[in-house]
Every structure is written in structure tokens, then in C-alpha cells.
Amino acid sequence: MGKELYVGHISYEATEDDLRRTFSVAGAVTSVHIITDPVTGKSKGCAYVRMATEEEAREAIDCLDGALMGSLQISVSVARPQKKQGHTSGGLKGKPRPGSRFRRGQR
């Protein structure tokens, strides 16, 4: 189990300090990162919280998953590792290109 947690369904107005205070009931919080829209800079309603130990992360899930934070019921789970975003060939993901010799159903 990792020390990084994914927190979903948080208020768009929640701050990193709000999350730090909430998660400190389970142990030492080492970092908080609210996910924001790159264009508007506004919260997307989710965040990552890193706890100091795996034990504290487990405690945070046990205590806070489904808890109310403000008026919303948050979800807390172990953060999944981010998938590598490899370079694609720029194709149309399985769709034939316009003007190509083969069409769907023909070979």
C-alpha cells in the first residue's frame, strides 16, 4: 500500500490547508495537491494527499472515506500510479484514414 491517497468529491472551494487539517486526524500529512484545470486554474474537485507512513495512510482511508468535509461526502483511496503517456503515431486509433484503400469490413 502506498502513502499517497486520492481524494475525490471535495468542494471546489476547499483549500490545501482544509485538506491538511482534515487528514491530520489520521497522522502526519507530508503534502497536499489539489488538481486544477490548466486553463482556468479552478479546482476539479479532487486532490492527492501524501501521508508520512503507510499506517497513517491506512488510518486515513479507514477514518475519512465517506466522511463529510463541509457539505460533501469525500472518497479516499490509495492513489494509483500514473500511467505513462507514450508518444502515439498520431493515427486515428483504429479508424481508417480518409482516402485509405481499406474501409471497415473490407479487406
C-alpha atoms as a PDB file:
ATOM      1  CA  MET A   1       0.000   0.000   0.000  1.00  0.00           C
ATOM      2  CA  GLY A   2       1.304   3.444  -0.859  1.00  0.00           C
ATOM      3  CA  LYS A   3       1.426   6.557   1.225  1.00  0.00           C
ATOM      4  CA  GLU A   4      -0.260   8.683  -1.423  1.00  0.00           C
ATOM      5  CA  LEU A   5      -4.031   8.920  -1.339  1.00  0.00           C
ATOM      6  CA  TYR A   6      -6.542  10.038  -3.919  1.00  0.00           C
ATOM      7  CA  VAL A   7      -9.335  12.181  -2.500  1.00  0.00           C
ATOM      8  CA  GLY A   8     -12.430  12.640  -4.600  1.00  0.00           C
ATOM      9  CA  HIS A   9     -15.622  14.643  -4.367  1.00  0.00           C
ATOM     10  CA  ILE A  10     -14.134  17.577  -2.472  1.00  0.00           C
ATOM     11  CA  SER A  11     -15.640  21.029  -2.577  1.00  0.00           C
ATOM     12  CA  TYR A  12     -14.374  23.258  -5.370  1.00  0.00           C
ATOM     13  CA  GLU A  13     -13.677  25.857  -2.680  1.00  0.00           C
ATOM     14  CA  ALA A  14     -11.585  23.509  -0.483  1.00  0.00           C
ATOM     15  CA  THR A  15      -8.007  24.629   0.100  1.00  0.00           C
ATOM     16  CA  GLU A  16      -4.837  22.644   0.696  1.00  0.00           C
ATOM     17  CA  ASP A  17      -4.956  23.827   4.324  1.00  0.00           C
ATOM     18  CA  ASP A  18      -8.507  22.449   4.659  1.00  0.00           C
ATOM     19  CA  LEU A  19      -7.343  19.051   3.436  1.00  0.00           C
ATOM     20  CA  ARG A  20      -4.224  19.135   5.599  1.00  0.00           C
ATOM     21  CA  ARG A  21      -6.357  19.832   8.704  1.00  0.00           C
ATOM     22  CA  THR A  22      -8.867  17.121   7.821  1.00  0.00           C
ATOM     23  CA  PHE A  23      -6.254  14.438   7.156  1.00  0.00           C
ATOM     24  CA  SER A  24      -4.119  15.322  10.172  1.00  0.00           C
ATOM     25  CA  VAL A  25      -6.597  13.362  12.343  1.00  0.00           C
ATOM     26  CA  ALA A  26      -5.038  10.212  10.854  1.00  0.00           C
ATOM     27  CA  GLY A  27      -1.396  11.274  11.162  1.00  0.00           C
ATOM     28  CA  ALA A  28       1.278  13.457   9.640  1.00  0.00           C
ATOM     29  CA  VAL A  29       0.438  14.907   6.221  1.00  0.00           C
ATOM     30  CA  THR A  30       3.569  15.468   4.141  1.00  0.00           C
ATOM     31  CA  SER A  31       1.968  17.038   1.067  1.00  0.00           C
ATOM     32  CA  VAL A  32      -1.348  18.057  -0.464  1.00  0.00           C
ATOM     33  CA  HIS A  33      -2.003  18.741  -4.136  1.00  0.00           C
ATOM     34  CA  ILE A  34      -5.410  19.861  -5.399  1.00  0.00           C
ATOM     35  CA  ILE A  35      -5.953  19.034  -9.065  1.00  0.00           C
ATOM     36  CA  THR A  36      -6.805  22.148 -11.052  1.00  0.00           C
ATOM     37  CA  ASP A  37      -7.876  22.859 -14.598  1.00  0.00           C
ATOM     38  CA  PRO A  38      -4.773  24.034 -16.502  1.00  0.00           C
ATOM     39  CA  VAL A  39      -6.704  26.720 -18.367  1.00  0.00           C
ATOM     40  CA  THR A  40      -8.905  28.219 -15.641  1.00  0.00           C
ATOM     41  CA  GLY A  41      -6.845  27.289 -12.578  1.00  0.00           C
ATOM     42  CA  LYS A  42     -10.053  26.205 -10.803  1.00  0.00           C
ATOM     43  CA  SER A  43     -10.277  23.026  -8.727  1.00  0.00           C
ATOM     44  CA  LYS A  44     -11.522  19.869 -10.411  1.00  0.00           C
ATOM     45  CA  GLY A  45     -12.912  18.582  -7.093  1.00  0.00           C
ATOM     46  CA  CYS A  46     -10.164  16.066  -6.342  1.00  0.00           C
ATOM     47  CA  ALA A  47      -6.736  16.004  -4.741  1.00  0.00           C
ATOM     48  CA  TYR A  48      -3.754  13.901  -3.736  1.00  0.00           C
ATOM     49  CA  VAL A  49      -2.704  13.728  -0.100  1.00  0.00           C
ATOM     50  CA  ARG A  50       0.560  12.109   0.956  1.00  0.00           C
ATOM     51  CA  MET A  51       0.783  10.705   4.471  1.00  0.00           C
ATOM     52  CA  ALA A  52       4.078  10.181   6.344  1.00  0.00           C
ATOM     53  CA  THR A  53       3.645   6.406   6.741  1.00  0.00           C
ATOM     54  CA  GLU A  54       1.623   3.617   5.183  1.00  0.00           C
ATOM     55  CA  GLU A  55      -0.008   3.029   8.564  1.00  0.00           C
ATOM     56  CA  GLU A  56      -1.241   6.615   8.640  1.00  0.00           C
ATOM     57  CA  ALA A  57      -2.470   6.317   5.051  1.00  0.00           C
ATOM     58  CA  ARG A  58      -4.444   3.206   6.006  1.00  0.00           C
ATOM     59  CA  GLU A  59      -5.865   5.060   9.028  1.00  0.00           C
ATOM     60  CA  ALA A  60      -6.885   7.993   6.813  1.00  0.00           C
ATOM     61  CA  ILE A  61      -8.784   5.652   4.478  1.00  0.00           C
ATOM     62  CA  ASP A  62     -10.483   3.898   7.401  1.00  0.00           C
ATOM     63  CA  CYS A  63     -11.467   7.166   9.110  1.00  0.00           C
ATOM     64  CA  LEU A  64     -12.190   9.511   6.226  1.00  0.00           C
ATOM     65  CA  ASP A  65     -13.543   7.509   3.286  1.00  0.00           C
ATOM     66  CA  GLY A  66     -17.210   8.507   3.192  1.00  0.00           C
ATOM     67  CA  ALA A  67     -16.784  11.269   5.783  1.00  0.00           C
ATOM     68  CA  LEU A  68     -18.343  14.687   5.378  1.00  0.00           C
ATOM     69  CA  MET A  69     -15.980  17.509   4.519  1.00  0.00           C
ATOM     70  CA  GLY A  70     -18.106  20.613   4.511  1.00  0.00           C
ATOM     71  CA  SER A  71     -21.352  19.508   2.905  1.00  0.00           C
ATOM     72  CA  LEU A  72     -19.840  16.807   0.663  1.00  0.00           C
ATOM     73  CA  GLN A  73     -19.097  13.162   1.350  1.00  0.00           C
ATOM     74  CA  ILE A  74     -15.487  12.626   0.263  1.00  0.00           C
ATOM     75  CA  SER A  75     -13.972   9.433  -1.095  1.00  0.00           C
ATOM     76  CA  VAL A  76     -10.478   8.400  -0.029  1.00  0.00           C
ATOM     77  CA  SER A  77      -8.466   5.603  -1.627  1.00  0.00           C
ATOM     78  CA  VAL A  78      -4.914   4.600  -2.408  1.00  0.00           C
ATOM     79  CA  ALA A  79      -3.667   6.623  -5.376  1.00  0.00           C
ATOM     80  CA  ARG A  80      -2.922   4.507  -8.431  1.00  0.00           C
ATOM     81  CA  PRO A  81       0.399   5.067 -10.163  1.00  0.00           C
ATOM     82  CA  GLN A  82       0.086   7.463 -13.063  1.00  0.00           C
ATOM     83  CA  LYS A  83       0.124   5.766 -16.451  1.00  0.00           C
ATOM     84  CA  LYS A  84       2.968   6.778 -18.715  1.00  0.00           C
ATOM     85  CA  GLN A  85       1.683   8.748 -21.642  1.00  0.00           C
ATOM     86  CA  GLY A  86       3.755   7.484 -24.507  1.00  0.00           C
ATOM     87  CA  HIS A  87       4.040   9.148 -27.863  1.00  0.00           C
ATOM     88  CA  THR A  88       1.427   7.922 -30.304  1.00  0.00           C
ATOM     89  CA  SER A  89       1.803   7.772 -34.031  1.00  0.00           C
ATOM     90  CA  GLY A  90      -0.899  10.376 -34.422  1.00  0.00           C
ATOM     91  CA  GLY A  91      -3.252   7.877 -36.048  1.00  0.00           C
ATOM     92  CA  LEU A  92      -6.964   7.794 -35.587  1.00  0.00           C
ATOM     93  CA  LYS A  93      -6.875   4.885 -33.099  1.00  0.00           C
ATOM     94  CA  GLY A  94      -8.059   2.064 -35.302  1.00  0.00           C
ATOM     95  CA  LYS A  95     -10.165   4.145 -37.655  1.00  0.00           C
ATOM     96  CA  PRO A  96      -9.276   4.175 -41.330  1.00  0.00           C
ATOM     97  CA  ARG A  97      -7.776   7.369 -42.612  1.00  0.00           C
ATOM     98  CA  PRO A  98      -9.797   9.303 -45.158  1.00  0.00           C
ATOM     99  CA  GLY A  99      -8.861   8.142 -48.627  1.00  0.00           C
ATOM    100  CA  SER A 100      -7.270   4.924 -47.410  1.00  0.00           C
ATOM    101  CA  ARG A 101      -7.623   1.839 -49.535  1.00  0.00           C
ATOM    102  CA  PHE A 102      -9.381  -0.245 -46.908  1.00  0.00           C
ATOM    103  CA  ARG A 103     -12.688   0.622 -45.350  1.00  0.00           C
ATOM    104  CA  ARG A 104     -14.379  -1.028 -42.412  1.00  0.00           C
ATOM    105  CA  GLY A 105     -15.494  -4.511 -43.272  1.00  0.00           C
ATOM    106  CA  GLN A 106     -13.346  -4.701 -46.422  1.00  0.00           C
ATOM    107  CA  ARG A 107     -10.010  -6.400 -46.805  1.00  0.00           C
END
